[in-house]
Amino acid sequence: MGIQSRSEIVVRYAETDQMAIAWHGHYLAWLEVARLDWWRSLGMSYKELEDRGYLLPVLKVECEFCHSAYFDDRLTIEVNLSEYTGFRIVFSYMITRARDGQKIAVGKTHHVITDRSMRPLRVERHIPDIHTRLANAL
């Protein structure tokens, strides 16, 4: 499965609706938190990638909501690189509630690495050190 990263968040009151259930739109921000932590586990931060002039725009998001998360729930978000073609990158996620292990959601985000002008790059040709890290992370 390659490099897997775990992140923890606690559902804040401001992230819930009138029923004290976490609003679905916040899940995307939680996936981003986990994805940035995954980059750190690869040995570099996403900020370092951007400082070098590269971006990782989201092309597609998939999220299946299995059970509700509630105010003050501690959630664990596991993320791993599930696909890397040298051009496209896909991360897979699973969110569970820490206290009982209940699966809250599963999802994927699809990306491409671009330069600052948003031109997609063949990673192996343009940034071979990143290509090696990604290929080894599978």
N, C-alpha and C. Protein backbone atom coordinates (compact mmCIF):
# COMPACT_ATOMS: atom_id res chain seq x y z
N MET A 1 0.82 -1.20 0.00
CA MET A 1 0.00 0.00 0.00
C MET A 1 0.86 1.25 0.00
N GLY A 2 2.14 1.15 0.23
CA GLY A 2 3.00 2.32 0.18
C GLY A 2 2.89 3.18 1.42
N ILE A 3 3.18 4.44 1.25
CA ILE A 3 3.15 5.39 2.36
C ILE A 3 1.71 5.73 2.72
N GLN A 4 1.38 5.53 3.98
CA GLN A 4 0.07 5.92 4.48
C GLN A 4 0.28 6.91 5.61
N SER A 5 -0.58 7.90 5.67
CA SER A 5 -0.49 8.93 6.69
C SER A 5 -1.81 8.95 7.46
N ARG A 6 -1.71 9.29 8.74
CA ARG A 6 -2.90 9.44 9.59
C ARG A 6 -2.92 10.84 10.16
N SER A 7 -4.07 11.46 10.11
CA SER A 7 -4.26 12.78 10.69
C SER A 7 -5.47 12.71 11.61
N GLU A 8 -5.46 13.55 12.63
CA GLU A 8 -6.60 13.61 13.54
C GLU A 8 -7.16 15.02 13.55
N ILE A 9 -8.46 15.09 13.57
CA ILE A 9 -9.16 16.37 13.73
C ILE A 9 -10.27 16.15 14.75
N VAL A 10 -10.70 17.22 15.36
CA VAL A 10 -11.86 17.18 16.26
C VAL A 10 -12.92 18.07 15.61
N VAL A 11 -14.12 17.54 15.47
CA VAL A 11 -15.21 18.30 14.84
C VAL A 11 -15.54 19.48 15.73
N ARG A 12 -15.36 20.67 15.18
CA ARG A 12 -15.64 21.90 15.92
C ARG A 12 -17.12 22.24 15.83
N TYR A 13 -17.60 22.97 16.80
CA TYR A 13 -19.01 23.37 16.83
C TYR A 13 -19.39 24.11 15.55
N ALA A 14 -18.50 24.97 15.07
CA ALA A 14 -18.77 25.76 13.87
C ALA A 14 -18.88 24.89 12.62
N GLU A 15 -18.43 23.65 12.69
CA GLU A 15 -18.49 22.75 11.54
C GLU A 15 -19.77 21.91 11.51
N THR A 16 -20.67 22.15 12.47
CA THR A 16 -21.89 21.35 12.54
C THR A 16 -23.11 22.16 12.14
N ASP A 17 -24.16 21.42 11.81
CA ASP A 17 -25.42 22.07 11.46
C ASP A 17 -26.33 22.10 12.69
N GLN A 18 -27.56 22.44 12.50
CA GLN A 18 -28.51 22.57 13.61
C GLN A 18 -28.72 21.25 14.35
N MET A 19 -28.42 20.13 13.70
CA MET A 19 -28.60 18.82 14.33
C MET A 19 -27.33 18.34 15.02
N ALA A 20 -26.30 19.21 15.09
CA ALA A 20 -24.99 18.89 15.68
C ALA A 20 -24.22 17.87 14.85
N ILE A 21 -24.61 17.72 13.58
CA ILE A 21 -23.93 16.82 12.66
C ILE A 21 -22.97 17.64 11.81
N ALA A 22 -21.78 17.10 11.59
CA ALA A 22 -20.78 17.80 10.77
C ALA A 22 -21.34 18.01 9.37
N TRP A 23 -21.28 19.25 8.91
CA TRP A 23 -21.77 19.61 7.58
C TRP A 23 -20.86 19.00 6.52
N HIS A 24 -21.45 18.41 5.50
CA HIS A 24 -20.69 17.65 4.50
C HIS A 24 -19.61 18.47 3.78
N GLY A 25 -19.78 19.75 3.63
CA GLY A 25 -18.80 20.58 2.94
C GLY A 25 -17.46 20.64 3.65
N HIS A 26 -17.45 20.42 4.96
CA HIS A 26 -16.20 20.48 5.72
C HIS A 26 -15.31 19.26 5.46
N TYR A 27 -15.89 18.20 4.96
CA TYR A 27 -15.10 17.00 4.71
C TYR A 27 -13.97 17.28 3.72
N LEU A 28 -14.21 18.15 2.76
CA LEU A 28 -13.16 18.46 1.78
C LEU A 28 -11.96 19.12 2.45
N ALA A 29 -12.20 20.00 3.41
CA ALA A 29 -11.10 20.62 4.15
C ALA A 29 -10.36 19.58 4.98
N TRP A 30 -11.10 18.63 5.55
CA TRP A 30 -10.44 17.58 6.34
C TRP A 30 -9.57 16.69 5.46
N LEU A 31 -10.04 16.39 4.25
CA LEU A 31 -9.22 15.61 3.32
C LEU A 31 -7.95 16.37 2.97
N GLU A 32 -8.07 17.69 2.82
CA GLU A 32 -6.89 18.50 2.52
C GLU A 32 -5.89 18.45 3.67
N VAL A 33 -6.36 18.53 4.90
CA VAL A 33 -5.47 18.43 6.06
C VAL A 33 -4.68 17.13 5.98
N ALA A 34 -5.37 16.03 5.72
CA ALA A 34 -4.73 14.73 5.65
C ALA A 34 -3.75 14.64 4.48
N ARG A 35 -4.14 15.21 3.35
CA ARG A 35 -3.27 15.18 2.16
C ARG A 35 -1.98 15.96 2.41
N LEU A 36 -2.07 17.11 3.06
CA LEU A 36 -0.87 17.89 3.38
C LEU A 36 0.02 17.14 4.35
N ASP A 37 -0.57 16.44 5.32
CA ASP A 37 0.21 15.61 6.23
C ASP A 37 0.89 14.47 5.47
N TRP A 38 0.19 13.90 4.48
CA TRP A 38 0.78 12.83 3.68
C TRP A 38 2.04 13.32 2.97
N TRP A 39 1.98 14.53 2.39
CA TRP A 39 3.17 15.08 1.72
C TRP A 39 4.33 15.18 2.70
N ARG A 40 4.04 15.60 3.95
CA ARG A 40 5.10 15.69 4.95
C ARG A 40 5.71 14.31 5.21
N SER A 41 4.86 13.28 5.22
CA SER A 41 5.38 11.92 5.45
C SER A 41 6.23 11.44 4.28
N LEU A 42 6.08 12.09 3.14
CA LEU A 42 6.90 11.79 1.95
C LEU A 42 8.28 12.43 2.06
N GLY A 43 8.44 13.32 3.04
CA GLY A 43 9.73 13.95 3.25
C GLY A 43 9.80 15.38 2.76
N MET A 44 8.66 15.95 2.39
CA MET A 44 8.63 17.36 1.99
C MET A 44 7.22 17.89 2.23
N SER A 45 7.12 19.17 2.44
CA SER A 45 5.80 19.76 2.63
C SER A 45 5.24 20.22 1.29
N TYR A 46 3.92 20.35 1.26
CA TYR A 46 3.29 20.88 0.06
C TYR A 46 3.77 22.31 -0.20
N LYS A 47 4.06 23.04 0.86
CA LYS A 47 4.59 24.40 0.73
C LYS A 47 5.92 24.38 -0.03
N GLU A 48 6.77 23.41 0.26
CA GLU A 48 8.04 23.29 -0.48
C GLU A 48 7.78 23.05 -1.97
N LEU A 49 6.78 22.23 -2.27
CA LEU A 49 6.42 21.97 -3.66
C LEU A 49 6.00 23.27 -4.34
N GLU A 50 5.14 24.04 -3.66
CA GLU A 50 4.71 25.33 -4.21
C GLU A 50 5.87 26.31 -4.34
N ASP A 51 6.76 26.33 -3.35
CA ASP A 51 7.91 27.23 -3.41
C ASP A 51 8.80 26.93 -4.60
N ARG A 52 8.78 25.69 -5.06
CA ARG A 52 9.55 25.31 -6.24
C ARG A 52 8.80 25.63 -7.54
N GLY A 53 7.57 26.15 -7.42
CA GLY A 53 6.82 26.57 -8.60
C GLY A 53 5.81 25.57 -9.11
N TYR A 54 5.47 24.57 -8.30
CA TYR A 54 4.53 23.53 -8.73
C TYR A 54 3.27 23.57 -7.90
N LEU A 55 2.15 23.23 -8.55
CA LEU A 55 0.84 23.23 -7.91
C LEU A 55 0.20 21.86 -8.11
N LEU A 56 -0.79 21.57 -7.29
CA LEU A 56 -1.46 20.27 -7.32
C LEU A 56 -2.98 20.49 -7.32
N PRO A 57 -3.53 21.03 -8.41
CA PRO A 57 -4.97 21.30 -8.41
C PRO A 57 -5.81 20.02 -8.33
N VAL A 58 -6.96 20.16 -7.70
CA VAL A 58 -7.91 19.05 -7.59
C VAL A 58 -8.72 19.00 -8.89
N LEU A 59 -8.76 17.82 -9.49
CA LEU A 59 -9.55 17.62 -10.70
C LEU A 59 -10.92 17.02 -10.40
N LYS A 60 -10.96 16.19 -9.37
CA LYS A 60 -12.20 15.46 -9.07
C LYS A 60 -12.17 15.05 -7.60
N VAL A 61 -13.34 15.09 -6.96
CA VAL A 61 -13.48 14.64 -5.57
C VAL A 61 -14.61 13.62 -5.51
N GLU A 62 -14.36 12.54 -4.80
CA GLU A 62 -15.39 11.54 -4.54
C GLU A 62 -15.47 11.38 -3.03
N CYS A 63 -16.69 11.37 -2.49
CA CYS A 63 -16.83 11.16 -1.05
C CYS A 63 -18.14 10.42 -0.79
N GLU A 64 -18.04 9.30 -0.12
CA GLU A 64 -19.21 8.52 0.27
C GLU A 64 -19.36 8.66 1.78
N PHE A 65 -20.49 9.17 2.21
CA PHE A 65 -20.75 9.38 3.63
C PHE A 65 -21.41 8.13 4.19
N CYS A 66 -20.73 7.47 5.12
CA CYS A 66 -21.20 6.19 5.66
C CYS A 66 -22.01 6.37 6.94
N HIS A 67 -21.52 7.23 7.84
CA HIS A 67 -22.19 7.54 9.10
C HIS A 67 -21.91 9.00 9.44
N SER A 68 -22.73 9.56 10.29
CA SER A 68 -22.57 10.96 10.66
C SER A 68 -21.43 11.16 11.66
N ALA A 69 -20.77 12.29 11.53
CA ALA A 69 -19.81 12.76 12.54
C ALA A 69 -20.51 13.89 13.29
N TYR A 70 -20.23 13.98 14.59
CA TYR A 70 -20.92 14.94 15.45
C TYR A 70 -19.93 15.89 16.13
N PHE A 71 -20.47 16.99 16.62
CA PHE A 71 -19.66 17.95 17.37
C PHE A 71 -18.82 17.22 18.41
N ASP A 72 -17.55 17.56 18.47
CA ASP A 72 -16.57 17.08 19.42
C ASP A 72 -16.10 15.64 19.16
N ASP A 73 -16.55 15.02 18.07
CA ASP A 73 -15.99 13.72 17.70
C ASP A 73 -14.53 13.91 17.30
N ARG A 74 -13.69 13.01 17.74
CA ARG A 74 -12.29 12.97 17.28
C ARG A 74 -12.27 12.01 16.11
N LEU A 75 -11.83 12.52 14.95
CA LEU A 75 -11.80 11.71 13.74
C LEU A 75 -10.37 11.44 13.30
N THR A 76 -10.15 10.24 12.78
CA THR A 76 -8.87 9.87 12.21
C THR A 76 -9.06 9.78 10.70
N ILE A 77 -8.17 10.43 9.97
CA ILE A 77 -8.23 10.41 8.51
C ILE A 77 -6.98 9.72 8.01
N GLU A 78 -7.17 8.57 7.38
CA GLU A 78 -6.06 7.83 6.78
C GLU A 78 -6.04 8.16 5.29
N VAL A 79 -4.85 8.40 4.78
CA VAL A 79 -4.71 8.72 3.36
C VAL A 79 -3.52 7.97 2.79
N ASN A 80 -3.68 7.51 1.57
CA ASN A 80 -2.56 6.90 0.87
C ASN A 80 -2.67 7.26 -0.62
N LEU A 81 -1.54 7.16 -1.28
CA LEU A 81 -1.49 7.37 -2.72
C LEU A 81 -1.97 6.08 -3.36
N SER A 82 -3.10 6.13 -4.06
CA SER A 82 -3.66 4.91 -4.64
C SER A 82 -3.37 4.78 -6.13
N GLU A 83 -2.99 5.89 -6.77
CA GLU A 83 -2.66 5.83 -8.20
C GLU A 83 -1.69 6.95 -8.53
N TYR A 84 -0.70 6.62 -9.33
CA TYR A 84 0.23 7.62 -9.85
C TYR A 84 0.66 7.16 -11.23
N THR A 85 0.37 7.97 -12.23
CA THR A 85 0.66 7.60 -13.61
C THR A 85 1.86 8.35 -14.19
N GLY A 86 2.47 9.20 -13.38
CA GLY A 86 3.51 10.09 -13.91
C GLY A 86 2.91 11.40 -14.36
N PHE A 87 1.59 11.45 -14.35
CA PHE A 87 0.85 12.63 -14.78
C PHE A 87 -0.29 12.90 -13.79
N ARG A 88 -1.13 11.92 -13.57
CA ARG A 88 -2.24 12.04 -12.62
C ARG A 88 -1.88 11.39 -11.29
N ILE A 89 -2.46 11.95 -10.23
CA ILE A 89 -2.24 11.46 -8.88
C ILE A 89 -3.61 11.28 -8.23
N VAL A 90 -3.83 10.13 -7.60
CA VAL A 90 -5.09 9.88 -6.89
C VAL A 90 -4.77 9.48 -5.45
N PHE A 91 -5.39 10.17 -4.52
CA PHE A 91 -5.29 9.85 -3.10
C PHE A 91 -6.59 9.20 -2.65
N SER A 92 -6.49 8.19 -1.78
CA SER A 92 -7.66 7.54 -1.19
C SER A 92 -7.68 7.83 0.30
N TYR A 93 -8.88 8.02 0.83
CA TYR A 93 -9.05 8.42 2.23
C TYR A 93 -10.08 7.53 2.92
N MET A 94 -9.89 7.36 4.22
CA MET A 94 -10.91 6.77 5.06
C MET A 94 -10.95 7.58 6.35
N ILE A 95 -12.14 8.02 6.71
CA ILE A 95 -12.34 8.79 7.95
C ILE A 95 -13.08 7.88 8.93
N THR A 96 -12.50 7.73 10.13
CA THR A 96 -13.14 6.93 11.17
C THR A 96 -13.25 7.75 12.45
N ARG A 97 -14.23 7.37 13.28
CA ARG A 97 -14.38 8.01 14.58
C ARG A 97 -13.44 7.28 15.54
N ALA A 98 -12.63 8.02 16.25
CA ALA A 98 -11.58 7.44 17.08
C ALA A 98 -12.14 6.59 18.22
N ARG A 99 -13.21 7.01 18.86
CA ARG A 99 -13.66 6.32 20.07
C ARG A 99 -14.24 4.93 19.80
N ASP A 100 -14.81 4.71 18.61
CA ASP A 100 -15.44 3.41 18.34
C ASP A 100 -15.01 2.79 17.01
N GLY A 101 -14.15 3.47 16.26
CA GLY A 101 -13.68 2.93 14.99
C GLY A 101 -14.71 2.95 13.87
N GLN A 102 -15.84 3.60 14.10
CA GLN A 102 -16.91 3.65 13.10
C GLN A 102 -16.42 4.35 11.84
N LYS A 103 -16.63 3.74 10.68
CA LYS A 103 -16.27 4.37 9.42
C LYS A 103 -17.27 5.49 9.13
N ILE A 104 -16.75 6.71 9.00
CA ILE A 104 -17.59 7.88 8.78
C ILE A 104 -17.71 8.18 7.29
N ALA A 105 -16.59 8.10 6.57
CA ALA A 105 -16.61 8.40 5.14
C ALA A 105 -15.38 7.79 4.46
N VAL A 106 -15.52 7.56 3.17
CA VAL A 106 -14.39 7.16 2.33
C VAL A 106 -14.41 8.06 1.11
N GLY A 107 -13.25 8.30 0.55
CA GLY A 107 -13.22 9.19 -0.60
C GLY A 107 -11.92 9.11 -1.37
N LYS A 108 -11.90 9.87 -2.46
CA LYS A 108 -10.72 9.99 -3.31
C LYS A 108 -10.64 11.42 -3.81
N THR A 109 -9.42 11.87 -4.03
CA THR A 109 -9.21 13.13 -4.75
C THR A 109 -8.25 12.84 -5.89
N HIS A 110 -8.54 13.44 -7.03
CA HIS A 110 -7.74 13.26 -8.25
C HIS A 110 -7.05 14.59 -8.54
N HIS A 111 -5.76 14.52 -8.87
CA HIS A 111 -4.94 15.71 -9.06
C HIS A 111 -4.04 15.55 -10.27
N VAL A 112 -3.46 16.66 -10.66
CA VAL A 112 -2.37 16.69 -11.63
C VAL A 112 -1.38 17.72 -11.13
N ILE A 113 -0.09 17.51 -11.37
CA ILE A 113 0.91 18.52 -11.00
C ILE A 113 1.08 19.47 -12.17
N THR A 114 1.04 20.77 -11.86
CA THR A 114 1.17 21.80 -12.89
C THR A 114 2.27 22.79 -12.50
N ASP A 115 2.65 23.60 -13.49
CA ASP A 115 3.51 24.74 -13.17
C ASP A 115 2.59 25.89 -12.76
N ARG A 116 3.15 27.04 -12.48
CA ARG A 116 2.33 28.18 -12.00
C ARG A 116 1.34 28.69 -13.05
N SER A 117 1.60 28.41 -14.32
CA SER A 117 0.65 28.82 -15.37
C SER A 117 -0.45 27.78 -15.57
N MET A 118 -0.49 26.78 -14.68
CA MET A 118 -1.49 25.70 -14.68
C MET A 118 -1.30 24.74 -15.85
N ARG A 119 -0.10 24.68 -16.40
CA ARG A 119 0.21 23.74 -17.46
C ARG A 119 0.58 22.40 -16.83
N PRO A 120 -0.19 21.33 -17.12
CA PRO A 120 0.12 20.02 -16.55
C PRO A 120 1.52 19.56 -16.97
N LEU A 121 2.19 18.89 -16.05
CA LEU A 121 3.57 18.46 -16.29
C LEU A 121 3.69 16.95 -16.25
N ARG A 122 4.57 16.42 -17.09
CA ARG A 122 5.02 15.03 -16.95
C ARG A 122 6.06 15.07 -15.85
N VAL A 123 5.70 14.52 -14.71
CA VAL A 123 6.50 14.69 -13.51
C VAL A 123 7.91 14.12 -13.68
N GLU A 124 8.03 12.96 -14.30
CA GLU A 124 9.35 12.34 -14.46
C GLU A 124 10.31 13.23 -15.24
N ARG A 125 9.82 13.92 -16.23
CA ARG A 125 10.66 14.78 -17.06
C ARG A 125 10.99 16.11 -16.37
N HIS A 126 9.99 16.72 -15.74
CA HIS A 126 10.16 18.07 -15.19
C HIS A 126 10.67 18.11 -13.75
N ILE A 127 10.25 17.16 -12.94
CA ILE A 127 10.69 17.13 -11.53
C ILE A 127 10.97 15.68 -11.13
N PRO A 128 12.09 15.15 -11.61
CA PRO A 128 12.39 13.73 -11.40
C PRO A 128 12.51 13.33 -9.93
N ASP A 129 12.95 14.22 -9.05
CA ASP A 129 13.04 13.85 -7.63
C ASP A 129 11.65 13.61 -7.03
N ILE A 130 10.66 14.40 -7.46
CA ILE A 130 9.28 14.19 -6.99
C ILE A 130 8.72 12.91 -7.60
N HIS A 131 9.02 12.69 -8.87
CA HIS A 131 8.56 11.45 -9.53
C HIS A 131 9.05 10.23 -8.75
N THR A 132 10.29 10.21 -8.38
CA THR A 132 10.86 9.07 -7.65
C THR A 132 10.15 8.88 -6.32
N ARG A 133 9.90 9.97 -5.60
CA ARG A 133 9.20 9.87 -4.31
C ARG A 133 7.79 9.33 -4.49
N LEU A 134 7.08 9.83 -5.51
CA LEU A 134 5.70 9.38 -5.74
C LEU A 134 5.68 7.92 -6.18
N ALA A 135 6.56 7.55 -7.09
CA ALA A 135 6.60 6.17 -7.57
C ALA A 135 6.90 5.21 -6.42
N ASN A 136 7.79 5.61 -5.53
CA ASN A 136 8.14 4.76 -4.38
C ASN A 136 7.07 4.75 -3.31
N ALA A 137 6.14 5.69 -3.36
CA ALA A 137 5.07 5.79 -2.35
C ALA A 137 3.90 4.86 -2.65
N LEU A 138 3.88 4.28 -3.82
CA LEU A 138 2.76 3.38 -4.17
C LEU A 138 2.84 2.06 -3.44
